[in-house]
Amino acid sequence: MKPLKPLLLTASHLLTLGLGFALGVYALPILIAPDAPTEQEIKASVPVAQWTATFRRDLKDSDALHWGEGTVSISPQAISLVGKLAPGPDYKLYLSPEFVETEADFKRLKPQMQRVGDVKTFSNFIVPVPQGVDLAKFNTVIVWCETFSEFITAAQYQ
């Protein structure tokens, strides 16, 4: 019986350590996220959107931990969201020439995509569009977790 006790203690401590690490990975982006822009700030910075689209939770590779919902506005100056994203680390905003709703499709089309910038908030965002990006060459906006290669959400705007 005595050799079993150290083994159980070791297993329980390793399990606790693993759980703490997983919770830290999930909670850290929430804790360090800047304040999200208000709807008024979004309307002021993106006064005239050329296109709008909708992030939905029911996409093929969206799940309980990887989702987005809300209205996306696309203009030559910025892409904004009035809505919410599941919290996570290292979110990037991409433009794609084809609608994507799976990790496999994202990886297949990534060479043809345009990375727009970082998404640092999970409730509303504004991401400036880099100079020279031709929005008309694309039809879909995608949020992707670069660190874990996870599809978060997408919306087709044309």
N, C-alpha and C. Protein backbone atom coordinates (compact mmCIF):
# COMPACT_ATOMS: atom_id res chain seq x y z
N MET A 1 0.80 -1.20 0.00
CA MET A 1 0.00 0.00 0.00
C MET A 1 0.84 1.27 0.00
N LYS A 2 1.97 1.23 0.67
CA LYS A 2 2.78 2.44 0.79
C LYS A 2 3.30 2.94 -0.56
N PRO A 3 3.73 2.08 -1.50
CA PRO A 3 4.20 2.60 -2.79
C PRO A 3 3.08 3.26 -3.60
N LEU A 4 1.83 2.90 -3.34
CA LEU A 4 0.71 3.47 -4.08
C LEU A 4 0.47 4.94 -3.71
N LYS A 5 0.68 5.29 -2.45
CA LYS A 5 0.43 6.66 -2.00
C LYS A 5 1.30 7.69 -2.74
N PRO A 6 2.62 7.49 -2.86
CA PRO A 6 3.41 8.48 -3.62
C PRO A 6 3.00 8.57 -5.09
N LEU A 7 2.60 7.45 -5.66
CA LEU A 7 2.15 7.45 -7.05
C LEU A 7 0.87 8.26 -7.21
N LEU A 8 -0.09 8.07 -6.30
CA LEU A 8 -1.33 8.84 -6.34
C LEU A 8 -1.08 10.33 -6.09
N LEU A 9 -0.20 10.65 -5.17
CA LEU A 9 0.13 12.06 -4.92
C LEU A 9 0.78 12.69 -6.14
N THR A 10 1.69 11.98 -6.77
CA THR A 10 2.33 12.49 -7.98
C THR A 10 1.31 12.70 -9.08
N ALA A 11 0.43 11.72 -9.30
CA ALA A 11 -0.59 11.84 -10.34
C ALA A 11 -1.53 13.00 -10.06
N SER A 12 -1.95 13.16 -8.81
CA SER A 12 -2.87 14.26 -8.50
C SER A 12 -2.20 15.62 -8.67
N HIS A 13 -0.93 15.71 -8.31
CA HIS A 13 -0.21 16.98 -8.48
C HIS A 13 0.00 17.29 -9.96
N LEU A 14 0.31 16.29 -10.76
CA LEU A 14 0.48 16.51 -12.20
C LEU A 14 -0.84 16.91 -12.85
N LEU A 15 -1.92 16.28 -12.43
CA LEU A 15 -3.23 16.64 -12.95
C LEU A 15 -3.58 18.08 -12.58
N THR A 16 -3.32 18.48 -11.36
CA THR A 16 -3.58 19.85 -10.91
C THR A 16 -2.71 20.84 -11.69
N LEU A 17 -1.46 20.50 -11.89
CA LEU A 17 -0.56 21.36 -12.67
C LEU A 17 -1.06 21.52 -14.10
N GLY A 18 -1.46 20.42 -14.73
CA GLY A 18 -1.99 20.47 -16.10
C GLY A 18 -3.26 21.29 -16.20
N LEU A 19 -4.15 21.11 -15.25
CA LEU A 19 -5.39 21.88 -15.23
C LEU A 19 -5.11 23.37 -15.03
N GLY A 20 -4.19 23.69 -14.14
CA GLY A 20 -3.82 25.09 -13.91
C GLY A 20 -3.21 25.71 -15.15
N PHE A 21 -2.37 24.97 -15.86
CA PHE A 21 -1.77 25.47 -17.10
C PHE A 21 -2.85 25.74 -18.14
N ALA A 22 -3.77 24.78 -18.32
CA ALA A 22 -4.85 24.95 -19.30
C ALA A 22 -5.71 26.16 -18.97
N LEU A 23 -6.06 26.33 -17.71
CA LEU A 23 -6.85 27.50 -17.31
C LEU A 23 -6.07 28.80 -17.53
N GLY A 24 -4.78 28.76 -17.31
CA GLY A 24 -3.94 29.94 -17.56
C GLY A 24 -3.90 30.32 -19.03
N VAL A 25 -3.78 29.33 -19.90
CA VAL A 25 -3.78 29.58 -21.35
C VAL A 25 -5.09 30.22 -21.76
N TYR A 26 -6.20 29.75 -21.17
CA TYR A 26 -7.51 30.31 -21.50
C TYR A 26 -7.70 31.70 -20.89
N ALA A 27 -7.30 31.88 -19.64
CA ALA A 27 -7.59 33.13 -18.92
C ALA A 27 -6.63 34.26 -19.24
N LEU A 28 -5.38 33.97 -19.55
CA LEU A 28 -4.40 35.03 -19.77
C LEU A 28 -4.82 36.02 -20.86
N PRO A 29 -5.28 35.57 -22.04
CA PRO A 29 -5.70 36.56 -23.04
C PRO A 29 -6.82 37.47 -22.55
N ILE A 30 -7.70 36.94 -21.72
CA ILE A 30 -8.79 37.75 -21.19
C ILE A 30 -8.23 38.81 -20.23
N LEU A 31 -7.29 38.40 -19.40
CA LEU A 31 -6.72 39.30 -18.40
C LEU A 31 -5.88 40.42 -19.02
N ILE A 32 -5.20 40.15 -20.11
CA ILE A 32 -4.31 41.16 -20.70
C ILE A 32 -4.93 41.90 -21.89
N ALA A 33 -6.16 41.54 -22.25
CA ALA A 33 -6.81 42.20 -23.39
C ALA A 33 -7.05 43.68 -23.08
N PRO A 34 -6.82 44.55 -24.07
CA PRO A 34 -7.15 45.97 -23.87
C PRO A 34 -8.67 46.14 -23.82
N ASP A 35 -9.10 47.32 -23.42
CA ASP A 35 -10.53 47.61 -23.41
C ASP A 35 -11.07 47.54 -24.83
N ALA A 36 -12.23 46.91 -24.97
CA ALA A 36 -12.86 46.79 -26.29
C ALA A 36 -13.45 48.13 -26.69
N PRO A 37 -13.43 48.43 -28.00
CA PRO A 37 -14.05 49.69 -28.44
C PRO A 37 -15.57 49.61 -28.29
N THR A 38 -16.17 50.75 -28.04
CA THR A 38 -17.63 50.81 -27.94
C THR A 38 -18.22 50.87 -29.35
N GLU A 39 -19.52 50.65 -29.43
CA GLU A 39 -20.18 50.76 -30.74
C GLU A 39 -20.03 52.16 -31.31
N GLN A 40 -20.04 53.19 -30.46
CA GLN A 40 -19.88 54.56 -30.93
C GLN A 40 -18.47 54.77 -31.50
N GLU A 41 -17.46 54.21 -30.85
CA GLU A 41 -16.09 54.32 -31.36
C GLU A 41 -15.95 53.60 -32.70
N ILE A 42 -16.61 52.47 -32.83
CA ILE A 42 -16.56 51.73 -34.10
C ILE A 42 -17.23 52.54 -35.19
N LYS A 43 -18.40 53.09 -34.91
CA LYS A 43 -19.12 53.89 -35.92
C LYS A 43 -18.32 55.13 -36.31
N ALA A 44 -17.59 55.71 -35.37
CA ALA A 44 -16.78 56.89 -35.67
C ALA A 44 -15.55 56.54 -36.50
N SER A 45 -14.95 55.38 -36.26
CA SER A 45 -13.72 55.03 -36.98
C SER A 45 -14.01 54.36 -38.31
N VAL A 46 -15.18 53.76 -38.45
CA VAL A 46 -15.57 53.11 -39.71
C VAL A 46 -16.93 53.71 -40.12
N PRO A 47 -16.91 55.01 -40.54
CA PRO A 47 -18.19 55.67 -40.79
C PRO A 47 -18.95 55.10 -41.99
N VAL A 48 -18.23 54.66 -43.03
CA VAL A 48 -18.90 54.16 -44.22
C VAL A 48 -18.30 52.81 -44.59
N ALA A 49 -19.03 51.77 -44.28
CA ALA A 49 -18.57 50.43 -44.61
C ALA A 49 -19.00 50.09 -46.03
N GLN A 50 -18.07 49.54 -46.80
CA GLN A 50 -18.42 49.10 -48.16
C GLN A 50 -19.23 47.81 -48.11
N TRP A 51 -18.92 46.96 -47.12
CA TRP A 51 -19.60 45.68 -46.99
C TRP A 51 -19.89 45.42 -45.52
N THR A 52 -20.88 44.60 -45.29
CA THR A 52 -21.12 44.06 -43.95
C THR A 52 -21.34 42.56 -44.09
N ALA A 53 -21.08 41.84 -43.02
CA ALA A 53 -21.25 40.40 -42.99
C ALA A 53 -21.54 40.00 -41.55
N THR A 54 -21.82 38.72 -41.35
CA THR A 54 -22.17 38.25 -40.01
C THR A 54 -21.34 37.04 -39.62
N PHE A 55 -20.68 37.14 -38.46
CA PHE A 55 -20.04 35.97 -37.85
C PHE A 55 -21.15 35.17 -37.18
N ARG A 56 -21.12 33.83 -37.41
CA ARG A 56 -22.13 32.93 -36.82
C ARG A 56 -21.44 31.82 -36.04
N ARG A 57 -22.11 31.33 -35.01
CA ARG A 57 -21.57 30.25 -34.18
C ARG A 57 -21.70 28.88 -34.83
N ASP A 58 -22.52 28.73 -35.84
CA ASP A 58 -22.86 27.41 -36.37
C ASP A 58 -22.01 26.96 -37.56
N LEU A 59 -20.80 27.47 -37.69
CA LEU A 59 -19.93 27.04 -38.78
C LEU A 59 -19.35 25.66 -38.46
N LYS A 60 -18.91 24.93 -39.49
CA LYS A 60 -18.46 23.54 -39.33
C LYS A 60 -17.41 23.37 -38.23
N ASP A 61 -16.35 24.17 -38.24
CA ASP A 61 -15.28 23.99 -37.26
C ASP A 61 -15.38 24.91 -36.06
N SER A 62 -16.47 25.64 -35.94
CA SER A 62 -16.71 26.40 -34.72
C SER A 62 -17.26 25.44 -33.67
N ASP A 63 -16.91 25.67 -32.41
CA ASP A 63 -17.41 24.81 -31.33
C ASP A 63 -17.53 25.66 -30.07
N ALA A 64 -17.71 25.01 -28.94
CA ALA A 64 -17.95 25.73 -27.68
C ALA A 64 -16.79 26.63 -27.28
N LEU A 65 -15.56 26.33 -27.72
CA LEU A 65 -14.39 27.14 -27.36
C LEU A 65 -13.88 28.01 -28.50
N HIS A 66 -14.40 27.83 -29.71
CA HIS A 66 -13.91 28.54 -30.89
C HIS A 66 -15.10 29.03 -31.70
N TRP A 67 -15.50 30.28 -31.49
CA TRP A 67 -16.68 30.81 -32.16
C TRP A 67 -16.61 32.34 -32.22
N GLY A 68 -17.46 32.88 -33.04
CA GLY A 68 -17.64 34.32 -33.12
C GLY A 68 -19.07 34.60 -33.53
N GLU A 69 -19.59 35.76 -33.11
CA GLU A 69 -20.93 36.16 -33.52
C GLU A 69 -20.99 37.68 -33.53
N GLY A 70 -21.73 38.20 -34.50
CA GLY A 70 -21.89 39.64 -34.57
C GLY A 70 -21.76 40.15 -36.00
N THR A 71 -21.85 41.46 -36.12
CA THR A 71 -21.80 42.12 -37.43
C THR A 71 -20.41 42.65 -37.71
N VAL A 72 -19.88 42.28 -38.86
CA VAL A 72 -18.57 42.73 -39.31
C VAL A 72 -18.78 43.80 -40.37
N SER A 73 -18.06 44.91 -40.23
CA SER A 73 -18.10 45.99 -41.22
C SER A 73 -16.73 46.10 -41.86
N ILE A 74 -16.71 46.17 -43.19
CA ILE A 74 -15.46 46.18 -43.94
C ILE A 74 -15.39 47.47 -44.75
N SER A 75 -14.33 48.25 -44.52
CA SER A 75 -14.08 49.47 -45.29
C SER A 75 -12.61 49.50 -45.66
N PRO A 76 -12.20 50.36 -46.59
CA PRO A 76 -10.78 50.43 -46.95
C PRO A 76 -9.87 50.84 -45.79
N GLN A 77 -10.42 51.48 -44.76
CA GLN A 77 -9.62 51.93 -43.63
C GLN A 77 -9.53 50.90 -42.51
N ALA A 78 -10.63 50.15 -42.26
CA ALA A 78 -10.65 49.24 -41.11
C ALA A 78 -11.71 48.17 -41.28
N ILE A 79 -11.50 47.09 -40.55
CA ILE A 79 -12.51 46.03 -40.42
C ILE A 79 -12.89 46.00 -38.95
N SER A 80 -14.20 46.05 -38.69
CA SER A 80 -14.65 46.12 -37.30
C SER A 80 -15.71 45.06 -37.03
N LEU A 81 -15.84 44.72 -35.76
CA LEU A 81 -16.87 43.79 -35.31
C LEU A 81 -17.65 44.43 -34.18
N VAL A 82 -18.95 44.36 -34.28
CA VAL A 82 -19.83 44.64 -33.16
C VAL A 82 -20.41 43.28 -32.79
N GLY A 83 -19.84 42.67 -31.77
CA GLY A 83 -20.23 41.32 -31.39
C GLY A 83 -19.21 40.74 -30.44
N LYS A 84 -19.11 39.40 -30.43
CA LYS A 84 -18.21 38.73 -29.49
C LYS A 84 -17.46 37.60 -30.17
N LEU A 85 -16.27 37.34 -29.61
CA LEU A 85 -15.45 36.19 -30.00
C LEU A 85 -15.17 35.37 -28.74
N ALA A 86 -15.03 34.06 -28.91
CA ALA A 86 -14.57 33.23 -27.80
C ALA A 86 -13.17 33.70 -27.44
N PRO A 87 -12.85 33.86 -26.17
CA PRO A 87 -11.50 34.31 -25.79
C PRO A 87 -10.44 33.29 -26.19
N GLY A 88 -9.29 33.80 -26.56
CA GLY A 88 -8.17 32.93 -26.90
C GLY A 88 -6.94 33.76 -27.22
N PRO A 89 -5.80 33.09 -27.35
CA PRO A 89 -4.55 33.81 -27.61
C PRO A 89 -4.28 33.98 -29.11
N ASP A 90 -3.58 35.02 -29.44
CA ASP A 90 -2.96 35.18 -30.76
C ASP A 90 -3.94 35.11 -31.92
N TYR A 91 -5.07 35.82 -31.82
CA TYR A 91 -6.04 35.87 -32.91
C TYR A 91 -5.54 36.79 -34.01
N LYS A 92 -5.70 36.35 -35.25
CA LYS A 92 -5.33 37.13 -36.43
C LYS A 92 -6.55 37.25 -37.33
N LEU A 93 -6.64 38.37 -38.03
CA LEU A 93 -7.72 38.61 -38.97
C LEU A 93 -7.17 38.44 -40.38
N TYR A 94 -7.83 37.61 -41.17
CA TYR A 94 -7.41 37.33 -42.54
C TYR A 94 -8.53 37.64 -43.51
N LEU A 95 -8.16 37.92 -44.76
CA LEU A 95 -9.10 38.02 -45.86
C LEU A 95 -8.82 36.84 -46.79
N SER A 96 -9.90 36.21 -47.26
CA SER A 96 -9.76 35.03 -48.11
C SER A 96 -10.53 35.22 -49.42
N PRO A 97 -10.02 34.65 -50.52
CA PRO A 97 -10.75 34.74 -51.79
C PRO A 97 -11.92 33.76 -51.86
N GLU A 98 -12.01 32.83 -50.90
CA GLU A 98 -13.11 31.86 -50.85
C GLU A 98 -13.62 31.77 -49.42
N PHE A 99 -14.91 31.43 -49.29
CA PHE A 99 -15.47 31.23 -47.97
C PHE A 99 -14.81 30.02 -47.32
N VAL A 100 -14.48 30.14 -46.04
CA VAL A 100 -13.79 29.09 -45.29
C VAL A 100 -14.56 28.87 -43.99
N GLU A 101 -14.78 27.59 -43.64
CA GLU A 101 -15.37 27.32 -42.34
C GLU A 101 -14.76 26.09 -41.67
N THR A 102 -13.57 25.68 -42.16
CA THR A 102 -12.85 24.57 -41.53
C THR A 102 -11.36 24.89 -41.48
N GLU A 103 -10.67 24.25 -40.55
CA GLU A 103 -9.22 24.42 -40.45
C GLU A 103 -8.52 23.92 -41.71
N ALA A 104 -9.00 22.82 -42.26
CA ALA A 104 -8.39 22.26 -43.46
C ALA A 104 -8.48 23.24 -44.63
N ASP A 105 -9.64 23.86 -44.81
CA ASP A 105 -9.79 24.84 -45.89
C ASP A 105 -8.91 26.06 -45.65
N PHE A 106 -8.83 26.50 -44.39
CA PHE A 106 -7.97 27.64 -44.08
C PHE A 106 -6.53 27.35 -44.45
N LYS A 107 -6.03 26.21 -44.02
CA LYS A 107 -4.63 25.86 -44.30
C LYS A 107 -4.39 25.71 -45.80
N ARG A 108 -5.36 25.17 -46.53
CA ARG A 108 -5.22 25.01 -47.97
C ARG A 108 -5.16 26.36 -48.68
N LEU A 109 -5.95 27.32 -48.23
CA LEU A 109 -6.05 28.62 -48.89
C LEU A 109 -5.13 29.70 -48.32
N LYS A 110 -4.46 29.41 -47.21
CA LYS A 110 -3.66 30.44 -46.52
C LYS A 110 -2.66 31.15 -47.45
N PRO A 111 -2.00 30.46 -48.38
CA PRO A 111 -1.08 31.19 -49.27
C PRO A 111 -1.76 32.26 -50.13
N GLN A 112 -3.05 32.13 -50.37
CA GLN A 112 -3.79 33.10 -51.18
C GLN A 112 -4.45 34.19 -50.34
N MET A 113 -4.34 34.07 -49.03
CA MET A 113 -5.01 35.01 -48.13
C MET A 113 -4.14 36.22 -47.83
N GLN A 114 -4.78 37.24 -47.32
CA GLN A 114 -4.11 38.46 -46.87
C GLN A 114 -4.31 38.59 -45.37
N ARG A 115 -3.22 38.62 -44.63
CA ARG A 115 -3.33 38.86 -43.19
C ARG A 115 -3.52 40.35 -42.98
N VAL A 116 -4.56 40.71 -42.25
CA VAL A 116 -4.89 42.12 -42.01
C VAL A 116 -4.23 42.62 -40.74
N GLY A 117 -4.33 41.85 -39.66
CA GLY A 117 -3.74 42.30 -38.41
C GLY A 117 -4.18 41.46 -37.23
N ASP A 118 -3.83 41.94 -36.04
CA ASP A 118 -4.12 41.24 -34.80
C ASP A 118 -5.49 41.63 -34.25
N VAL A 119 -6.18 40.66 -33.69
CA VAL A 119 -7.43 40.90 -32.97
C VAL A 119 -7.09 40.74 -31.49
N LYS A 120 -7.19 41.83 -30.74
CA LYS A 120 -6.75 41.81 -29.34
C LYS A 120 -7.89 41.88 -28.34
N THR A 121 -9.12 42.07 -28.82
CA THR A 121 -10.27 42.14 -27.92
C THR A 121 -11.29 41.07 -28.32
N PHE A 122 -12.13 40.72 -27.38
CA PHE A 122 -13.07 39.63 -27.63
C PHE A 122 -14.52 40.10 -27.65
N SER A 123 -14.73 41.36 -27.37
CA SER A 123 -16.04 41.98 -27.47
C SER A 123 -15.83 43.25 -28.28
N ASN A 124 -16.23 43.20 -29.54
CA ASN A 124 -16.00 44.29 -30.49
C ASN A 124 -14.51 44.41 -30.82
N PHE A 125 -14.20 44.80 -32.03
CA PHE A 125 -12.82 45.12 -32.39
C PHE A 125 -12.79 46.04 -33.59
N ILE A 126 -11.66 46.70 -33.74
CA ILE A 126 -11.35 47.50 -34.92
C ILE A 126 -9.93 47.12 -35.32
N VAL A 127 -9.77 46.64 -36.56
CA VAL A 127 -8.45 46.28 -37.06
C VAL A 127 -8.19 47.14 -38.31
N PRO A 128 -7.17 47.99 -38.28
CA PRO A 128 -6.86 48.82 -39.45
C PRO A 128 -6.46 47.94 -40.64
N VAL A 129 -6.90 48.35 -41.83
CA VAL A 129 -6.53 47.64 -43.07
C VAL A 129 -5.22 48.26 -43.57
N PRO A 130 -4.20 47.43 -43.81
CA PRO A 130 -2.93 47.96 -44.32
C PRO A 130 -3.10 48.63 -45.69
N GLN A 131 -2.27 49.63 -45.94
CA GLN A 131 -2.28 50.32 -47.23
C GLN A 131 -2.06 49.31 -48.35
N GLY A 132 -2.75 49.49 -49.45
CA GLY A 132 -2.54 48.67 -50.62
C GLY A 132 -3.36 47.39 -50.67
N VAL A 133 -4.13 47.08 -49.63
CA VAL A 133 -4.94 45.87 -49.65
C VAL A 133 -6.21 46.15 -50.46
N ASP A 134 -6.42 45.33 -51.48
CA ASP A 134 -7.60 45.47 -52.34
C ASP A 134 -8.69 44.54 -51.82
N LEU A 135 -9.62 45.10 -51.08
CA LEU A 135 -10.68 44.31 -50.46
C LEU A 135 -11.55 43.59 -51.48
N ALA A 136 -11.65 44.13 -52.68
CA ALA A 136 -12.49 43.53 -53.72
C ALA A 136 -11.92 42.20 -54.23
N LYS A 137 -10.63 41.93 -53.97
CA LYS A 137 -10.02 40.66 -54.39
C LYS A 137 -10.43 39.50 -53.49
N PHE A 138 -11.06 39.81 -52.37
CA PHE A 138 -11.42 38.80 -51.39
C PHE A 138 -12.92 38.83 -51.17
N ASN A 139 -13.45 37.79 -50.54
CA ASN A 139 -14.88 37.79 -50.25
C ASN A 139 -15.22 37.35 -48.83
N THR A 140 -14.20 37.00 -48.05
CA THR A 140 -14.44 36.46 -46.71
C THR A 140 -13.45 37.03 -45.71
N VAL A 141 -13.93 37.34 -44.52
CA VAL A 141 -13.08 37.76 -43.42
C VAL A 141 -13.07 36.63 -42.39
N ILE A 142 -11.86 36.31 -41.87
CA ILE A 142 -11.69 35.14 -41.00
C ILE A 142 -10.92 35.53 -39.75
N VAL A 143 -11.33 34.98 -38.60
CA VAL A 143 -10.55 35.08 -37.37
C VAL A 143 -9.93 33.71 -37.15
N TRP A 144 -8.61 33.70 -36.96
CA TRP A 144 -7.82 32.48 -36.85
C TRP A 144 -6.90 32.60 -35.65
N CYS A 145 -6.75 31.53 -34.88
CA CYS A 145 -5.81 31.49 -33.77
C CYS A 145 -4.49 30.93 -34.30
N GLU A 146 -3.51 31.79 -34.41
CA GLU A 146 -2.23 31.42 -35.02
C GLU A 146 -1.46 30.43 -34.14
N THR A 147 -1.44 30.65 -32.83
CA THR A 147 -0.66 29.80 -31.93
C THR A 147 -1.09 28.35 -31.98
N PHE A 148 -2.40 28.10 -31.96
CA PHE A 148 -2.90 26.73 -31.90
C PHE A 148 -3.48 26.25 -33.23
N SER A 149 -3.33 27.05 -34.30
CA SER A 149 -3.89 26.69 -35.61
C SER A 149 -5.35 26.27 -35.49
N GLU A 150 -6.13 27.15 -34.91
CA GLU A 150 -7.56 26.88 -34.68
C GLU A 150 -8.41 27.87 -35.46
N PHE A 151 -9.38 27.34 -36.18
CA PHE A 151 -10.38 28.17 -36.85
C PHE A 151 -11.33 28.71 -35.78
N ILE A 152 -11.58 30.02 -35.82
CA ILE A 152 -12.50 30.63 -34.85
C ILE A 152 -13.84 30.93 -35.53
N THR A 153 -13.81 31.77 -36.57
CA THR A 153 -15.04 32.10 -37.26
C THR A 153 -14.73 32.76 -38.61
N ALA A 154 -15.75 32.89 -39.43
CA ALA A 154 -15.60 33.54 -40.74
C ALA A 154 -16.94 34.13 -41.17
N ALA A 155 -16.87 35.11 -42.07
CA ALA A 155 -18.08 35.72 -42.63
C ALA A 155 -17.80 36.11 -44.07
N GLN A 156 -18.72 35.75 -44.95
CA GLN A 156 -18.58 36.11 -46.36
C GLN A 156 -19.23 37.48 -46.58
N TYR A 157 -18.47 38.41 -47.17
CA TYR A 157 -19.00 39.77 -47.34
C TYR A 157 -19.34 40.11 -48.78
N GLN A 158 -18.98 39.29 -49.73
CA GLN A 158 -19.41 39.51 -51.12
C GLN A 158 -19.38 38.24 -51.90
